[in-house]
């Protein structure tokens, strides 16, 4: 059996974490990226590498930067990650996200009273 390359394992783990943070199953994610579920599973396990084209597609689908997949983000602040995802939304999508977030914060404020 062929040994997994450490870089493939690391990138695969980051892809899996980003997919799960986005609330996507492998099945839905695979369809959005245009790959098979088995291929996504192999990428996430580090059994296979990922092409530059696929990295770009994954970043677009998950609204994340390629740096977050390719480089170790360390203890990156969650607010920064959320901000980066919001920056990639269209103006219309951003307005919807802003409205939802404002309502959520209002609900939290009411709950704490």
PDB file of N, CA and C in Angstrom:
ATOM      1  N   UNK A   1       0.843  -1.191   0.000  1.00  0.00           N
ATOM      2  CA  UNK A   1       0.000   0.000   0.000  1.00  0.00           C
ATOM      3  C   UNK A   1       0.879   1.242   0.000  1.00  0.00           C
ATOM      4  N   UNK A   2       0.512   2.221  -0.781  1.00  0.00           N
ATOM      5  CA  UNK A   2       1.271   3.452  -0.908  1.00  0.00           C
ATOM      6  C   UNK A   2       1.102   4.316   0.341  1.00  0.00           C
ATOM      7  N   UNK A   3       2.217   4.869   0.831  1.00  0.00           N
ATOM      8  CA  UNK A   3       2.157   5.745   1.998  1.00  0.00           C
ATOM      9  C   UNK A   3       1.518   7.077   1.623  1.00  0.00           C
ATOM     10  N   UNK A   4       0.752   7.628   2.569  1.00  0.00           N
ATOM     11  CA  UNK A   4       0.135   8.941   2.355  1.00  0.00           C
ATOM     12  C   UNK A   4       1.194  10.011   2.555  1.00  0.00           C
ATOM     13  N   UNK A   5       1.166  11.019   1.704  1.00  0.00           N
ATOM     14  CA  UNK A   5       2.072  12.143   1.859  1.00  0.00           C
ATOM     15  C   UNK A   5       1.528  13.038   2.972  1.00  0.00           C
ATOM     16  N   UNK A   6       2.384  13.457   3.898  1.00  0.00           N
ATOM     17  CA  UNK A   6       1.915  14.300   5.012  1.00  0.00           C
ATOM     18  C   UNK A   6       1.171  15.556   4.553  1.00  0.00           C
ATOM     19  N   UNK A   7       1.623  16.173   3.480  1.00  0.00           N
ATOM     20  CA  UNK A   7       0.957  17.389   2.996  1.00  0.00           C
ATOM     21  C   UNK A   7      -0.466  17.087   2.535  1.00  0.00           C
ATOM     22  N   UNK A   8      -0.676  15.929   1.909  1.00  0.00           N
ATOM     23  CA  UNK A   8      -2.028  15.552   1.478  1.00  0.00           C
ATOM     24  C   UNK A   8      -2.939  15.314   2.679  1.00  0.00           C
ATOM     25  N   UNK A   9      -2.385  14.709   3.725  1.00  0.00           N
ATOM     26  CA  UNK A   9      -3.165  14.454   4.940  1.00  0.00           C
ATOM     27  C   UNK A   9      -3.557  15.780   5.597  1.00  0.00           C
ATOM     28  N   UNK A  10      -2.606  16.707   5.697  1.00  0.00           N
ATOM     29  CA  UNK A  10      -2.871  18.007   6.323  1.00  0.00           C
ATOM     30  C   UNK A  10      -3.928  18.790   5.545  1.00  0.00           C
ATOM     31  N   UNK A  11      -3.768  18.868   4.240  1.00  0.00           N
ATOM     32  CA  UNK A  11      -4.730  19.612   3.415  1.00  0.00           C
ATOM     33  C   UNK A  11      -6.092  18.923   3.459  1.00  0.00           C
ATOM     34  N   UNK A  12      -6.099  17.603   3.413  1.00  0.00           N
ATOM     35  CA  UNK A  12      -7.350  16.860   3.495  1.00  0.00           C
ATOM     36  C   UNK A  12      -8.095  17.138   4.789  1.00  0.00           C
ATOM     37  N   UNK A  13      -7.350  17.197   5.904  1.00  0.00           N
ATOM     38  CA  UNK A  13      -7.971  17.496   7.198  1.00  0.00           C
ATOM     39  C   UNK A  13      -8.561  18.903   7.206  1.00  0.00           C
ATOM     40  N   UNK A  14      -7.843  19.851   6.624  1.00  0.00           N
ATOM     41  CA  UNK A  14      -8.342  21.232   6.585  1.00  0.00           C
ATOM     42  C   UNK A  14      -9.594  21.334   5.710  1.00  0.00           C
ATOM     43  N   UNK A  15      -9.612  20.599   4.609  1.00  0.00           N
ATOM     44  CA  UNK A  15     -10.797  20.595   3.745  1.00  0.00           C
ATOM     45  C   UNK A  15     -11.983  20.018   4.512  1.00  0.00           C
ATOM     46  N   UNK A  16     -11.745  18.920   5.211  1.00  0.00           N
ATOM     47  CA  UNK A  16     -12.823  18.299   5.989  1.00  0.00           C
ATOM     48  C   UNK A  16     -13.341  19.257   7.052  1.00  0.00           C
ATOM     49  N   UNK A  17     -12.445  19.907   7.772  1.00  0.00           N
ATOM     50  CA  UNK A  17     -12.854  20.859   8.814  1.00  0.00           C
ATOM     51  C   UNK A  17     -13.677  22.003   8.218  1.00  0.00           C
ATOM     52  N   UNK A  18     -13.236  22.519   7.075  1.00  0.00           N
ATOM     53  CA  UNK A  18     -13.959  23.623   6.435  1.00  0.00           C
ATOM     54  C   UNK A  18     -15.331  23.165   5.938  1.00  0.00           C
ATOM     55  N   UNK A  19     -15.387  21.955   5.388  1.00  0.00           N
ATOM     56  CA  UNK A  19     -16.665  21.407   4.908  1.00  0.00           C
ATOM     57  C   UNK A  19     -17.633  21.244   6.067  1.00  0.00           C
ATOM     58  N   UNK A  20     -17.146  20.665   7.163  1.00  0.00           N
ATOM     59  CA  UNK A  20     -17.998  20.466   8.326  1.00  0.00           C
ATOM     60  C   UNK A  20     -18.420  21.792   8.951  1.00  0.00           C
ATOM     61  N   UNK A  21     -17.511  22.769   8.973  1.00  0.00           N
ATOM     62  CA  UNK A  21     -17.857  24.095   9.509  1.00  0.00           C
ATOM     63  C   UNK A  21     -18.950  24.754   8.675  1.00  0.00           C
ATOM     64  N   UNK A  22     -18.967  24.437   7.385  1.00  0.00           N
ATOM     65  CA  UNK A  22     -20.003  24.968   6.492  1.00  0.00           C
ATOM     66  C   UNK A  22     -21.302  24.171   6.601  1.00  0.00           C
ATOM     67  N   UNK A  23     -21.273  23.086   7.371  1.00  0.00           N
ATOM     68  CA  UNK A  23     -22.472  22.281   7.560  1.00  0.00           C
ATOM     69  C   UNK A  23     -22.843  21.414   6.377  1.00  0.00           C
ATOM     70  N   UNK A  24     -21.841  21.016   5.597  1.00  0.00           N
ATOM     71  CA  UNK A  24     -22.098  20.221   4.403  1.00  0.00           C
ATOM     72  C   UNK A  24     -21.706  18.760   4.608  1.00  0.00           C
ATOM     73  N   UNK A  25     -22.522  17.860   4.111  1.00  0.00           N
ATOM     74  CA  UNK A  25     -22.155  16.449   4.086  1.00  0.00           C
ATOM     75  C   UNK A  25     -21.188  16.232   2.932  1.00  0.00           C
ATOM     76  N   UNK A  26     -20.511  15.101   2.936  1.00  0.00           N
ATOM     77  CA  UNK A  26     -19.625  14.784   1.813  1.00  0.00           C
ATOM     78  C   UNK A  26     -20.430  14.697   0.521  1.00  0.00           C
ATOM     79  N   UNK A  27     -21.630  14.169   0.597  1.00  0.00           N
ATOM     80  CA  UNK A  27     -22.458  13.998  -0.597  1.00  0.00           C
ATOM     81  C   UNK A  27     -22.815  15.354  -1.226  1.00  0.00           C
ATOM     82  N   UNK A  28     -23.293  16.270  -0.404  1.00  0.00           N
ATOM     83  CA  UNK A  28     -23.672  17.594  -0.913  1.00  0.00           C
ATOM     84  C   UNK A  28     -22.438  18.340  -1.401  1.00  0.00           C
ATOM     85  N   UNK A  29     -21.363  18.274  -0.617  1.00  0.00           N
ATOM     86  CA  UNK A  29     -20.119  18.943  -0.981  1.00  0.00           C
ATOM     87  C   UNK A  29     -19.574  18.411  -2.298  1.00  0.00           C
ATOM     88  N   UNK A  30     -19.575  17.089  -2.458  1.00  0.00           N
ATOM     89  CA  UNK A  30     -19.080  16.474  -3.693  1.00  0.00           C
ATOM     90  C   UNK A  30     -19.851  16.987  -4.897  1.00  0.00           C
ATOM     91  N   UNK A  31     -21.156  17.079  -4.763  1.00  0.00           N
ATOM     92  CA  UNK A  31     -21.980  17.574  -5.874  1.00  0.00           C
ATOM     93  C   UNK A  31     -21.653  19.028  -6.192  1.00  0.00           C
ATOM     94  N   UNK A  32     -21.474  19.833  -5.158  1.00  0.00           N
ATOM     95  CA  UNK A  32     -21.171  21.258  -5.359  1.00  0.00           C
ATOM     96  C   UNK A  32     -19.813  21.460  -6.024  1.00  0.00           C
ATOM     97  N   UNK A  33     -18.854  20.593  -5.676  1.00  0.00           N
ATOM     98  CA  UNK A  33     -17.492  20.704  -6.207  1.00  0.00           C
ATOM     99  C   UNK A  33     -17.366  20.025  -7.569  1.00  0.00           C
ATOM    100  N   UNK A  34     -18.278  19.099  -7.851  1.00  0.00           N
ATOM    101  CA  UNK A  34     -18.236  18.392  -9.122  1.00  0.00           C
ATOM    102  C   UNK A  34     -17.343  17.165  -9.097  1.00  0.00           C
ATOM    103  N   UNK A  35     -17.223  16.552  -7.930  1.00  0.00           N
ATOM    104  CA  UNK A  35     -16.431  15.335  -7.778  1.00  0.00           C
ATOM    105  C   UNK A  35     -17.307  14.250  -7.170  1.00  0.00           C
ATOM    106  N   UNK A  36     -16.831  13.022  -7.218  1.00  0.00           N
ATOM    107  CA  UNK A  36     -17.547  11.921  -6.599  1.00  0.00           C
ATOM    108  C   UNK A  36     -17.323  11.895  -5.094  1.00  0.00           C
ATOM    109  N   UNK A  37     -18.252  11.299  -4.376  1.00  0.00           N
ATOM    110  CA  UNK A  37     -18.156  11.203  -2.921  1.00  0.00           C
ATOM    111  C   UNK A  37     -16.902  10.426  -2.524  1.00  0.00           C
ATOM    112  N   UNK A  38     -16.591   9.362  -3.242  1.00  0.00           N
ATOM    113  CA  UNK A  38     -15.398   8.569  -2.933  1.00  0.00           C
ATOM    114  C   UNK A  38     -14.125   9.399  -3.109  1.00  0.00           C
ATOM    115  N   UNK A  39     -14.126  10.260  -4.114  1.00  0.00           N
ATOM    116  CA  UNK A  39     -12.954  11.113  -4.344  1.00  0.00           C
ATOM    117  C   UNK A  39     -12.814  12.128  -3.212  1.00  0.00           C
ATOM    118  N   UNK A  40     -13.923  12.728  -2.785  1.00  0.00           N
ATOM    119  CA  UNK A  40     -13.885  13.677  -1.667  1.00  0.00           C
ATOM    120  C   UNK A  40     -13.379  12.970  -0.412  1.00  0.00           C
ATOM    121  N   UNK A  41     -13.880  11.771  -0.162  1.00  0.00           N
ATOM    122  CA  UNK A  41     -13.435  10.996   0.995  1.00  0.00           C
ATOM    123  C   UNK A  41     -11.930  10.737   0.922  1.00  0.00           C
ATOM    124  N   UNK A  42     -11.436  10.368  -0.248  1.00  0.00           N
ATOM    125  CA  UNK A  42     -10.008  10.098  -0.424  1.00  0.00           C
ATOM    126  C   UNK A  42      -9.174  11.362  -0.200  1.00  0.00           C
ATOM    127  N   UNK A  43      -9.683  12.500  -0.670  1.00  0.00           N
ATOM    128  CA  UNK A  43      -8.977  13.778  -0.455  1.00  0.00           C
ATOM    129  C   UNK A  43      -8.928  14.083   1.035  1.00  0.00           C
ATOM    130  N   UNK A  44     -10.058  13.963   1.713  1.00  0.00           N
ATOM    131  CA  UNK A  44     -10.119  14.292   3.135  1.00  0.00           C
ATOM    132  C   UNK A  44      -9.247  13.364   3.984  1.00  0.00           C
ATOM    133  N   UNK A  45      -9.087  12.129   3.570  1.00  0.00           N
ATOM    134  CA  UNK A  45      -8.225  11.185   4.287  1.00  0.00           C
ATOM    135  C   UNK A  45      -6.750  11.390   3.945  1.00  0.00           C
ATOM    136  N   UNK A  46      -6.474  12.136   2.884  1.00  0.00           N
ATOM    137  CA  UNK A  46      -5.097  12.336   2.450  1.00  0.00           C
ATOM    138  C   UNK A  46      -4.588  11.209   1.587  1.00  0.00           C
ATOM    139  N   UNK A  47      -5.490  10.341   1.139  1.00  0.00           N
ATOM    140  CA  UNK A  47      -5.095   9.211   0.298  1.00  0.00           C
ATOM    141  C   UNK A  47      -4.693   9.669  -1.093  1.00  0.00           C
ATOM    142  N   UNK A  48      -5.242  10.802  -1.537  1.00  0.00           N
ATOM    143  CA  UNK A  48      -4.890  11.384  -2.828  1.00  0.00           C
ATOM    144  C   UNK A  48      -4.647  12.874  -2.643  1.00  0.00           C
ATOM    145  N   UNK A  49      -3.895  13.438  -3.563  1.00  0.00           N
ATOM    146  CA  UNK A  49      -3.664  14.875  -3.559  1.00  0.00           C
ATOM    147  C   UNK A  49      -4.818  15.591  -4.225  1.00  0.00           C
ATOM    148  N   UNK A  50      -4.769  16.888  -4.176  1.00  0.00           N
ATOM    149  CA  UNK A  50      -5.826  17.706  -4.760  1.00  0.00           C
ATOM    150  C   UNK A  50      -5.191  18.676  -5.755  1.00  0.00           C
ATOM    151  N   UNK A  51      -5.807  18.794  -6.924  1.00  0.00           N
ATOM    152  CA  UNK A  51      -5.263  19.675  -7.959  1.00  0.00           C
ATOM    153  C   UNK A  51      -5.520  21.140  -7.613  1.00  0.00           C
ATOM    154  N   UNK A  52      -4.756  22.001  -8.236  1.00  0.00           N
ATOM    155  CA  UNK A  52      -4.926  23.443  -8.029  1.00  0.00           C
ATOM    156  C   UNK A  52      -6.326  23.877  -8.450  1.00  0.00           C
ATOM    157  N   UNK A  53      -6.817  23.329  -9.550  1.00  0.00           N
ATOM    158  CA  UNK A  53      -8.163  23.656 -10.016  1.00  0.00           C
ATOM    159  C   UNK A  53      -9.207  23.264  -8.975  1.00  0.00           C
ATOM    160  N   UNK A  54      -9.032  22.087  -8.370  1.00  0.00           N
ATOM    161  CA  UNK A  54      -9.968  21.627  -7.344  1.00  0.00           C
ATOM    162  C   UNK A  54      -9.862  22.477  -6.085  1.00  0.00           C
ATOM    163  N   UNK A  55      -8.652  22.881  -5.709  1.00  0.00           N
ATOM    164  CA  UNK A  55      -8.481  23.776  -4.561  1.00  0.00           C
ATOM    165  C   UNK A  55      -9.269  25.063  -4.796  1.00  0.00           C
ATOM    166  N   UNK A  56      -9.150  25.634  -5.991  1.00  0.00           N
ATOM    167  CA  UNK A  56      -9.879  26.865  -6.316  1.00  0.00           C
ATOM    168  C   UNK A  56     -11.395  26.660  -6.220  1.00  0.00           C
ATOM    169  N   UNK A  57     -11.873  25.549  -6.735  1.00  0.00           N
ATOM    170  CA  UNK A  57     -13.303  25.249  -6.691  1.00  0.00           C
ATOM    171  C   UNK A  57     -13.759  25.075  -5.244  1.00  0.00           C
ATOM    172  N   UNK A  58     -13.002  24.341  -4.452  1.00  0.00           N
ATOM    173  CA  UNK A  58     -13.337  24.131  -3.046  1.00  0.00           C
ATOM    174  C   UNK A  58     -13.396  25.465  -2.303  1.00  0.00           C
ATOM    175  N   UNK A  59     -12.431  26.323  -2.552  1.00  0.00           N
ATOM    176  CA  UNK A  59     -12.409  27.630  -1.894  1.00  0.00           C
ATOM    177  C   UNK A  59     -13.629  28.465  -2.265  1.00  0.00           C
ATOM    178  N   UNK A  60     -14.015  28.417  -3.530  1.00  0.00           N
ATOM    179  CA  UNK A  60     -15.216  29.148  -3.961  1.00  0.00           C
ATOM    180  C   UNK A  60     -16.463  28.582  -3.290  1.00  0.00           C
ATOM    181  N   UNK A  61     -16.596  27.267  -3.289  1.00  0.00           N
ATOM    182  CA  UNK A  61     -17.781  26.616  -2.716  1.00  0.00           C
ATOM    183  C   UNK A  61     -17.886  26.898  -1.221  1.00  0.00           C
ATOM    184  N   UNK A  62     -16.767  26.851  -0.511  1.00  0.00           N
ATOM    185  CA  UNK A  62     -16.779  27.034   0.942  1.00  0.00           C
ATOM    186  C   UNK A  62     -16.588  28.488   1.370  1.00  0.00           C
ATOM    187  N   UNK A  63     -16.370  29.371   0.410  1.00  0.00           N
ATOM    188  CA  UNK A  63     -16.117  30.793   0.690  1.00  0.00           C
ATOM    189  C   UNK A  63     -14.968  30.962   1.679  1.00  0.00           C
ATOM    190  N   UNK A  64     -13.854  30.311   1.358  1.00  0.00           N
ATOM    191  CA  UNK A  64     -12.658  30.410   2.190  1.00  0.00           C
ATOM    192  C   UNK A  64     -11.464  30.743   1.303  1.00  0.00           C
ATOM    193  N   UNK A  65     -10.374  31.150   1.929  1.00  0.00           N
ATOM    194  CA  UNK A  65      -9.159  31.452   1.171  1.00  0.00           C
ATOM    195  C   UNK A  65      -8.347  30.187   0.964  1.00  0.00           C
ATOM    196  N   UNK A  66      -7.543  30.196  -0.081  1.00  0.00           N
ATOM    197  CA  UNK A  66      -6.663  29.050  -0.323  1.00  0.00           C
ATOM    198  C   UNK A  66      -5.618  28.925   0.784  1.00  0.00           C
ATOM    199  N   UNK A  67      -5.241  30.044   1.399  1.00  0.00           N
ATOM    200  CA  UNK A  67      -4.289  30.005   2.509  1.00  0.00           C
ATOM    201  C   UNK A  67      -4.799  29.130   3.644  1.00  0.00           C
ATOM    202  N   UNK A  68      -6.101  29.194   3.891  1.00  0.00           N
ATOM    203  CA  UNK A  68      -6.651  28.413   4.999  1.00  0.00           C
ATOM    204  C   UNK A  68      -6.572  26.911   4.728  1.00  0.00           C
ATOM    205  N   UNK A  69      -6.482  26.528   3.450  1.00  0.00           N
ATOM    206  CA  UNK A  69      -6.339  25.115   3.107  1.00  0.00           C
ATOM    207  C   UNK A  69      -4.888  24.701   2.979  1.00  0.00           C
ATOM    208  N   UNK A  70      -4.091  25.541   2.362  1.00  0.00           N
ATOM    209  CA  UNK A  70      -2.722  25.153   2.022  1.00  0.00           C
ATOM    210  C   UNK A  70      -1.715  25.414   3.131  1.00  0.00           C
ATOM    211  N   UNK A  71      -1.993  26.406   3.962  1.00  0.00           N
ATOM    212  CA  UNK A  71      -1.051  26.776   5.012  1.00  0.00           C
ATOM    213  C   UNK A  71      -1.679  26.524   6.376  1.00  0.00           C
ATOM    214  N   UNK A  72      -0.862  26.247   7.330  1.00  0.00           N
ATOM    215  CA  UNK A  72      -1.364  26.031   8.679  1.00  0.00           C
ATOM    216  C   UNK A  72      -1.795  27.364   9.266  1.00  0.00           C
ATOM    217  N   UNK A  73      -3.073  27.496   9.487  1.00  0.00           N
ATOM    218  CA  UNK A  73      -3.617  28.731  10.038  1.00  0.00           C
ATOM    219  C   UNK A  73      -3.342  28.901  11.517  1.00  0.00           C
ATOM    220  N   UNK A  74      -2.867  27.860  12.173  1.00  0.00           N
ATOM    221  CA  UNK A  74      -2.571  27.937  13.593  1.00  0.00           C
ATOM    222  C   UNK A  74      -3.823  28.220  14.391  1.00  0.00           C
ATOM    223  N   UNK A  75      -3.711  29.131  15.316  1.00  0.00           N
ATOM    224  CA  UNK A  75      -4.836  29.497  16.178  1.00  0.00           C
ATOM    225  C   UNK A  75      -5.514  30.749  15.645  1.00  0.00           C
ATOM    226  N   UNK A  76      -5.939  30.697  14.428  1.00  0.00           N
ATOM    227  CA  UNK A  76      -6.565  31.851  13.800  1.00  0.00           C
ATOM    228  C   UNK A  76      -7.877  32.178  14.499  1.00  0.00           C
ATOM    229  N   UNK A  77      -8.088  33.441  14.712  1.00  0.00           N
ATOM    230  CA  UNK A  77      -9.288  33.921  15.375  1.00  0.00           C
ATOM    231  C   UNK A  77     -10.517  33.569  14.546  1.00  0.00           C
ATOM    232  N   UNK A  78     -11.517  32.996  15.175  1.00  0.00           N
ATOM    233  CA  UNK A  78     -12.735  32.603  14.477  1.00  0.00           C
ATOM    234  C   UNK A  78     -13.434  33.794  13.827  1.00  0.00           C
ATOM    235  N   UNK A  79     -13.325  34.976  14.427  1.00  0.00           N
ATOM    236  CA  UNK A  79     -13.939  36.170  13.850  1.00  0.00           C
ATOM    237  C   UNK A  79     -13.281  36.488  12.508  1.00  0.00           C
ATOM    238  N   UNK A  80     -11.988  36.294  12.428  1.00  0.00           N
ATOM    239  CA  UNK A  80     -11.281  36.536  11.174  1.00  0.00           C
ATOM    240  C   UNK A  80     -11.743  35.574  10.088  1.00  0.00           C
ATOM    241  N   UNK A  81     -11.932  34.312  10.462  1.00  0.00           N
ATOM    242  CA  UNK A  81     -12.390  33.318   9.492  1.00  0.00           C
ATOM    243  C   UNK A  81     -13.790  33.666   8.999  1.00  0.00           C
ATOM    244  N   UNK A  82     -14.658  34.073   9.920  1.00  0.00           N
ATOM    245  CA  UNK A  82     -16.017  34.459   9.543  1.00  0.00           C
ATOM    246  C   UNK A  82     -15.995  35.701   8.654  1.00  0.00           C
ATOM    247  N   UNK A  83     -15.168  36.649   9.010  1.00  0.00           N
ATOM    248  CA  UNK A  83     -15.041  37.866   8.216  1.00  0.00           C
ATOM    249  C   UNK A  83     -14.567  37.556   6.795  1.00  0.00           C
ATOM    250  N   UNK A  84     -13.602  36.669   6.672  1.00  0.00           N
ATOM    251  CA  UNK A  84     -13.094  36.297   5.350  1.00  0.00           C
ATOM    252  C   UNK A  84     -14.184  35.649   4.506  1.00  0.00           C
ATOM    253  N   UNK A  85     -15.016  34.822   5.128  1.00  0.00           N
ATOM    254  CA  UNK A  85     -16.116  34.187   4.391  1.00  0.00           C
ATOM    255  C   UNK A  85     -17.150  35.222   3.969  1.00  0.00           C
ATOM    256  N   UNK A  86     -17.444  36.174   4.858  1.00  0.00           N
ATOM    257  CA  UNK A  86     -18.429  37.206   4.535  1.00  0.00           C
ATOM    258  C   UNK A  86     -17.938  38.105   3.400  1.00  0.00           C
ATOM    259  N   UNK A  87     -16.633  38.364   3.362  1.00  0.00           N
ATOM    260  CA  UNK A  87     -16.064  39.205   2.303  1.00  0.00           C
ATOM    261  C   UNK A  87     -16.270  38.615   0.916  1.00  0.00           C
ATOM    262  N   UNK A  88     -16.375  37.308   0.833  1.00  0.00           N
ATOM    263  CA  UNK A  88     -16.485  36.638  -0.465  1.00  0.00           C
ATOM    264  C   UNK A  88     -17.930  36.562  -0.982  1.00  0.00           C
ATOM    265  N   UNK A  89     -18.882  37.012  -0.165  1.00  0.00           N
ATOM    266  CA  UNK A  89     -20.278  36.985  -0.599  1.00  0.00           C
ATOM    267  C   UNK A  89     -20.562  38.129  -1.569  1.00  0.00           C
ATOM    268  N   UNK A  90     -21.548  37.914  -2.403  1.00  0.00           N
ATOM    269  CA  UNK A  90     -21.995  39.001  -3.275  1.00  0.00           C
ATOM    270  C   UNK A  90     -22.670  40.052  -2.392  1.00  0.00           C
ATOM    271  N   UNK A  91     -22.823  41.295  -2.879  1.00  0.00           N
ATOM    272  CA  UNK A  91     -23.487  42.323  -2.070  1.00  0.00           C
ATOM    273  C   UNK A  91     -24.879  41.890  -1.592  1.00  0.00           C
ATOM    274  N   UNK A  92     -25.615  41.207  -2.444  1.00  0.00           N
ATOM    275  CA  UNK A  92     -26.967  40.754  -2.068  1.00  0.00           C
ATOM    276  C   UNK A  92     -26.885  39.691  -0.968  1.00  0.00           C
ATOM    277  N   UNK A  93     -25.965  38.723  -1.127  1.00  0.00           N
ATOM    278  CA  UNK A  93     -25.795  37.681  -0.117  1.00  0.00           C
ATOM    279  C   UNK A  93     -25.310  38.279   1.202  1.00  0.00           C
ATOM    280  N   UNK A  94     -24.425  39.262   1.122  1.00  0.00           N
ATOM    281  CA  UNK A  94     -23.907  39.904   2.330  1.00  0.00           C
ATOM    282  C   UNK A  94     -25.025  40.596   3.091  1.00  0.00           C
ATOM    283  N   UNK A  95     -25.901  41.283   2.390  1.00  0.00           N
ATOM    284  CA  UNK A  95     -27.027  41.987   3.032  1.00  0.00           C
ATOM    285  C   UNK A  95     -27.922  40.988   3.762  1.00  0.00           C
ATOM    286  N   UNK A  96     -28.193  39.847   3.137  1.00  0.00           N
ATOM    287  CA  UNK A  96     -29.013  38.818   3.780  1.00  0.00           C
ATOM    288  C   UNK A  96     -28.313  38.302   5.038  1.00  0.00           C
ATOM    289  N   UNK A  97     -27.016  38.010   4.928  1.00  0.00           N
ATOM    290  CA  UNK A  97     -26.251  37.508   6.073  1.00  0.00           C
ATOM    291  C   UNK A  97     -26.220  38.549   7.193  1.00  0.00           C
ATOM    292  N   UNK A  98     -26.059  39.803   6.827  1.00  0.00           N
ATOM    293  CA  UNK A  98     -26.037  40.883   7.815  1.00  0.00           C
ATOM    294  C   UNK A  98     -27.374  40.977   8.550  1.00  0.00           C
ATOM    295  N   UNK A  99     -28.477  40.914   7.795  1.00  0.00           N
ATOM    296  CA  UNK A  99     -29.808  40.965   8.409  1.00  0.00           C
ATOM    297  C   UNK A  99     -30.017  39.795   9.372  1.00  0.00           C
ATOM    298  N   UNK A 100     -29.635  38.604   8.933  1.00  0.00           N
ATOM    299  CA  UNK A 100     -29.792  37.416   9.786  1.00  0.00           C
ATOM    300  C   UNK A 100     -28.945  37.559  11.049  1.00  0.00           C
ATOM    301  N   UNK A 101     -27.697  37.990  10.901  1.00  0.00           N
ATOM    302  CA  UNK A 101     -26.807  38.136  12.039  1.00  0.00           C
ATOM    303  C   UNK A 101     -27.333  39.184  13.016  1.00  0.00           C
ATOM    304  N   UNK A 102     -27.843  40.297  12.508  1.00  0.00           N
ATOM    305  CA  UNK A 102     -28.407  41.325  13.376  1.00  0.00           C
ATOM    306  C   UNK A 102     -29.603  40.801  14.159  1.00  0.00           C
ATOM    307  N   UNK A 103     -30.470  40.039  13.505  1.00  0.00           N
ATOM    308  CA  UNK A 103     -31.626  39.456  14.195  1.00  0.00           C
ATOM    309  C   UNK A 103     -31.170  38.453  15.256  1.00  0.00           C
ATOM    310  N   UNK A 104     -30.153  37.689  14.953  1.00  0.00           N
ATOM    311  CA  UNK A 104     -29.621  36.714  15.899  1.00  0.00           C
ATOM    312  C   UNK A 104     -29.055  37.417  17.132  1.00  0.00           C
ATOM    313  N   UNK A 105     -28.315  38.483  16.923  1.00  0.00           N
ATOM    314  CA  UNK A 105     -27.738  39.240  18.045  1.00  0.00           C
ATOM    315  C   UNK A 105     -28.855  39.872  18.879  1.00  0.00           C
ATOM    316  N   UNK A 106     -29.905  40.376  18.223  1.00  0.00           N
ATOM    317  CA  UNK A 106     -31.063  40.911  18.939  1.00  0.00           C
ATOM    318  C   UNK A 106     -31.701  39.824  19.802  1.00  0.00           C
ATOM    319  N   UNK A 107     -31.845  38.625  19.257  1.00  0.00           N
ATOM    320  CA  UNK A 107     -32.447  37.509  19.996  1.00  0.00           C
ATOM    321  C   UNK A 107     -31.579  37.141  21.206  1.00  0.00           C
ATOM    322  N   UNK A 108     -30.276  37.144  21.048  1.00  0.00           N
ATOM    323  CA  UNK A 108     -29.381  36.851  22.164  1.00  0.00           C
ATOM    324  C   UNK A 108     -29.530  37.912  23.252  1.00  0.00           C
ATOM    325  N   UNK A 109     -29.644  39.172  22.844  1.00  0.00           N
ATOM    326  CA  UNK A 109     -29.802  40.263  23.802  1.00  0.00           C
ATOM    327  C   UNK A 109     -31.112  40.113  24.580  1.00  0.00           C
ATOM    328  N   UNK A 110     -32.184  39.748  23.902  1.00  0.00           N
ATOM    329  CA  UNK A 110     -33.471  39.548  24.564  1.00  0.00           C
ATOM    330  C   UNK A 110     -33.424  38.369  25.520  1.00  0.00           C
ATOM    331  N   UNK A 111     -32.703  37.332  25.118  1.00  0.00           N
ATOM    332  CA  UNK A 111     -32.590  36.130  25.937  1.00  0.00           C
ATOM    333  C   UNK A 111     -31.845  36.390  27.236  1.00  0.00           C
ATOM    334  N   UNK A 112     -30.877  37.299  27.206  1.00  0.00           N
ATOM    335  CA  UNK A 112     -30.057  37.556  28.381  1.00  0.00           C
ATOM    336  C   UNK A 112     -30.730  38.499  29.384  1.00  0.00           C
ATOM    337  N   UNK A 113     -31.878  39.075  29.014  1.00  0.00           N
ATOM    338  CA  UNK A 113     -32.588  39.988  29.926  1.00  0.00           C
ATOM    339  C   UNK A 113     -33.361  39.243  30.964  1.00  0.00           C
TER     340      UNK A 113
END
